[in-house]
Amino acid sequence: MAVGYEYEADRMPARLWIVPIATTALGSAVALTPIVVQVPVVPPFGLLVALAWRLLRPEMWGAWMALPLGLIDDLIGGAPLGTAMTLWTIAFLAIEIAEQRVVWRDVWLSWRLAIGAIAFCVIGAWGLAFLAGGAGPIWLIVPQLLLSILCFPGVMRLVAVMDRWRLGERAANSR
């Protein structure tokens, strides 16, 4: 009996793995809001949330996790299937390689990694749209790129709050 009880106590609560995936999907769902603009200005919040989770908790997600998260973003946002899947996976792999090469990481390095990943994904999405014949001049994505970079620290803070809630009683019990 006691062994079964210990097993139940050690099982991972569903919110430990559902919260990061759900918040990333909700970030991707921001693309569904009815905002009408002439140029793209709304940041790719799904990407920002996924990067924030990846940089905040590197042990939680491997680089492979970008593939299903990118699929969710492609399905919700209406991008050609494989756009976010490919770009996010390459960005996560680059972050993985960069993390293996640094001895320590601070907020500024995390922000620089995020800036590189955001720039790669936004410009890459524009490039894929350009190849398909659906993109305008590249300077039109500059407002979206700048706003995405400036929004990332706020998204990182929000993800940190969600992470504290997600860990909840486990964090309190470990003290």
Protein backbone atom coordinates (compact mmCIF):
# COMPACT_ATOMS: atom_id res chain seq x y z
CA MET A 1 0.00 0.00 0.00
CA ALA A 2 2.69 2.49 0.94
CA VAL A 3 4.55 1.87 -2.32
CA GLY A 4 1.44 2.71 -4.37
CA TYR A 5 0.94 5.88 -2.37
CA GLU A 6 4.51 6.98 -2.97
CA TYR A 7 4.07 6.32 -6.67
CA GLU A 8 0.97 8.52 -6.74
CA ALA A 9 2.81 11.28 -4.87
CA ASP A 10 5.72 11.16 -7.32
CA ARG A 11 3.59 11.30 -10.46
CA MET A 12 3.95 14.49 -12.39
CA PRO A 13 0.78 16.63 -12.27
CA ALA A 14 -0.73 17.37 -15.64
CA ARG A 15 -0.23 21.11 -15.27
CA LEU A 16 3.56 20.66 -15.31
CA TRP A 17 3.44 19.74 -18.99
CA ILE A 18 0.09 21.20 -20.09
CA VAL A 19 0.75 24.82 -19.05
CA PRO A 20 3.78 25.41 -21.33
CA ILE A 21 2.07 23.85 -24.35
CA ALA A 22 -1.25 25.61 -23.69
CA THR A 23 0.36 29.01 -23.20
CA THR A 24 2.31 28.59 -26.44
CA ALA A 25 -0.91 27.64 -28.26
CA LEU A 26 -2.66 30.66 -26.73
CA GLY A 27 0.22 32.83 -27.90
CA SER A 28 -0.25 31.46 -31.40
CA ALA A 29 -3.99 32.13 -31.14
CA VAL A 30 -3.30 35.87 -30.90
CA ALA A 31 -3.06 35.68 -34.70
CA LEU A 32 -6.81 35.02 -34.73
CA THR A 33 -7.68 38.42 -33.27
CA PRO A 34 -9.41 40.66 -35.80
CA ILE A 35 -6.72 43.31 -36.22
CA VAL A 36 -6.66 44.99 -39.63
CA VAL A 37 -3.38 46.65 -40.58
CA GLN A 38 -1.56 47.55 -43.79
CA VAL A 39 1.77 46.06 -42.69
CA PRO A 40 2.50 43.21 -40.25
CA VAL A 41 2.95 44.70 -36.78
CA VAL A 42 1.55 42.02 -34.45
CA PRO A 43 4.45 40.03 -33.00
CA PRO A 44 4.39 36.25 -33.39
CA PHE A 45 3.39 35.65 -29.78
CA GLY A 46 3.44 31.87 -30.17
CA LEU A 47 7.12 32.08 -31.07
CA LEU A 48 7.83 34.54 -28.25
CA VAL A 49 6.16 32.29 -25.66
CA ALA A 50 7.90 29.17 -26.98
CA LEU A 51 11.28 30.94 -26.87
CA ALA A 52 10.58 32.23 -23.37
CA TRP A 53 9.78 28.72 -22.12
CA ARG A 54 12.84 27.30 -23.88
CA LEU A 55 15.18 29.94 -22.46
CA LEU A 56 13.63 29.92 -18.98
CA ARG A 57 13.52 26.13 -18.59
CA PRO A 58 16.07 24.61 -21.00
CA GLU A 59 15.80 21.22 -19.31
CA MET A 60 12.06 21.05 -19.97
CA TRP A 61 12.09 21.12 -23.77
CA GLY A 62 14.61 19.75 -26.18
CA ALA A 63 15.04 21.18 -29.65
CA TRP A 64 12.58 18.59 -30.99
CA MET A 65 9.68 20.29 -29.16
CA ALA A 66 9.72 23.13 -31.70
CA LEU A 67 8.31 20.76 -34.31
CA PRO A 68 4.90 20.08 -32.69
CA LEU A 69 4.69 23.64 -31.35
CA GLY A 70 5.40 24.96 -34.84
CA LEU A 71 2.71 22.67 -36.20
CA ILE A 72 0.22 24.15 -33.73
CA ASP A 73 1.29 27.66 -34.80
CA ASP A 74 0.99 26.81 -38.50
CA LEU A 75 -2.48 25.31 -38.02
CA ILE A 76 -3.78 28.18 -35.88
CA GLY A 77 -2.11 31.04 -37.75
CA GLY A 78 -2.85 29.81 -41.24
CA ALA A 79 0.74 29.88 -42.47
CA PRO A 80 1.76 27.29 -45.06
CA LEU A 81 2.20 24.02 -43.23
CA GLY A 82 5.81 23.55 -42.24
CA THR A 83 6.79 27.23 -42.04
CA ALA A 84 6.90 27.59 -38.26
CA MET A 85 7.78 23.92 -37.85
CA THR A 86 10.98 24.37 -39.86
CA LEU A 87 11.98 27.84 -38.66
CA TRP A 88 11.28 27.19 -34.98
CA THR A 89 13.17 23.89 -35.07
CA ILE A 90 16.22 25.54 -36.63
CA ALA A 91 16.03 28.36 -34.06
CA PHE A 92 15.75 25.89 -31.16
CA LEU A 93 18.69 23.90 -32.52
CA ALA A 94 20.76 27.09 -32.75
CA ILE A 95 19.87 27.95 -29.15
CA GLU A 96 20.83 24.43 -28.09
CA ILE A 97 24.22 24.77 -29.79
CA ALA A 98 24.79 28.22 -28.29
CA GLU A 99 23.92 26.98 -24.79
CA GLN A 100 26.44 24.17 -25.07
CA ARG A 101 29.19 26.64 -25.91
CA VAL A 102 28.63 29.16 -23.11
CA VAL A 103 29.77 28.65 -19.56
CA TRP A 104 27.06 30.77 -17.95
CA ARG A 105 24.03 32.62 -19.20
CA ASP A 106 22.41 35.80 -17.94
CA VAL A 107 19.35 37.82 -18.94
CA TRP A 108 21.26 39.75 -21.60
CA LEU A 109 22.54 36.63 -23.30
CA SER A 110 19.05 35.12 -23.23
CA TRP A 111 17.69 38.28 -24.82
CA ARG A 112 20.38 38.20 -27.52
CA LEU A 113 19.60 34.55 -28.24
CA ALA A 114 15.92 35.44 -28.46
CA ILE A 115 16.65 38.42 -30.75
CA GLY A 116 18.57 36.15 -33.11
CA ALA A 117 15.82 33.51 -33.08
CA ILE A 118 13.06 36.09 -33.56
CA ALA A 119 14.90 37.78 -36.42
CA PHE A 120 15.61 34.43 -38.06
CA CYS A 121 11.99 33.27 -37.80
CA VAL A 122 10.38 36.55 -38.92
CA ILE A 123 12.76 37.07 -41.83
CA GLY A 124 12.60 33.36 -42.69
CA ALA A 125 8.78 33.45 -42.77
CA TRP A 126 8.98 36.50 -45.02
CA GLY A 127 11.48 34.70 -47.27
CA LEU A 128 9.25 31.63 -47.59
CA ALA A 129 6.26 33.87 -48.37
CA PHE A 130 8.40 35.72 -50.91
CA LEU A 131 9.33 32.46 -52.62
CA ALA A 132 5.64 31.57 -52.78
CA GLY A 133 4.84 34.97 -54.29
CA GLY A 134 2.92 36.32 -51.30
CA ALA A 135 5.29 38.82 -49.68
CA GLY A 136 5.89 42.51 -50.15
CA PRO A 137 9.16 44.36 -49.72
CA ILE A 138 11.28 43.24 -46.77
CA TRP A 139 11.16 46.64 -45.09
CA LEU A 140 7.47 46.03 -44.35
CA ILE A 141 8.37 43.47 -41.67
CA VAL A 142 10.65 45.87 -39.78
CA PRO A 143 7.86 47.14 -37.43
CA GLN A 144 6.86 43.56 -36.57
CA LEU A 145 10.48 42.60 -35.99
CA LEU A 146 11.19 45.58 -33.73
CA LEU A 147 7.96 45.17 -31.78
CA SER A 148 8.66 41.45 -31.33
CA ILE A 149 12.12 42.15 -29.95
CA LEU A 150 10.80 44.81 -27.58
CA CYS A 151 7.91 42.62 -26.39
CA PHE A 152 10.11 39.64 -25.56
CA PRO A 153 11.18 40.74 -22.04
CA GLY A 154 7.51 41.23 -21.10
CA VAL A 155 6.60 37.84 -22.49
CA MET A 156 9.54 36.32 -20.60
CA ARG A 157 8.26 37.91 -17.38
CA LEU A 158 4.75 36.57 -18.03
CA VAL A 159 6.11 33.08 -18.69
CA ALA A 160 8.12 33.28 -15.45
CA VAL A 161 4.91 34.06 -13.54
CA MET A 162 3.17 31.14 -15.26
CA ASP A 163 6.12 28.91 -14.40
CA ARG A 164 5.90 29.83 -10.71
CA TRP A 165 2.18 29.00 -10.75
CA ARG A 166 2.86 25.81 -12.71
CA LEU A 167 5.36 24.57 -10.13
CA GLY A 168 3.09 25.68 -7.28
CA GLU A 169 3.13 23.17 -4.46
CA ARG A 170 6.29 21.39 -5.66
CA ALA A 171 8.28 24.63 -5.29
CA ALA A 172 6.81 25.20 -1.83
CA ASN A 173 7.56 21.61 -0.74
CA SER A 174 11.18 21.75 -1.89
CA ARG A 175 12.06 24.58 0.50
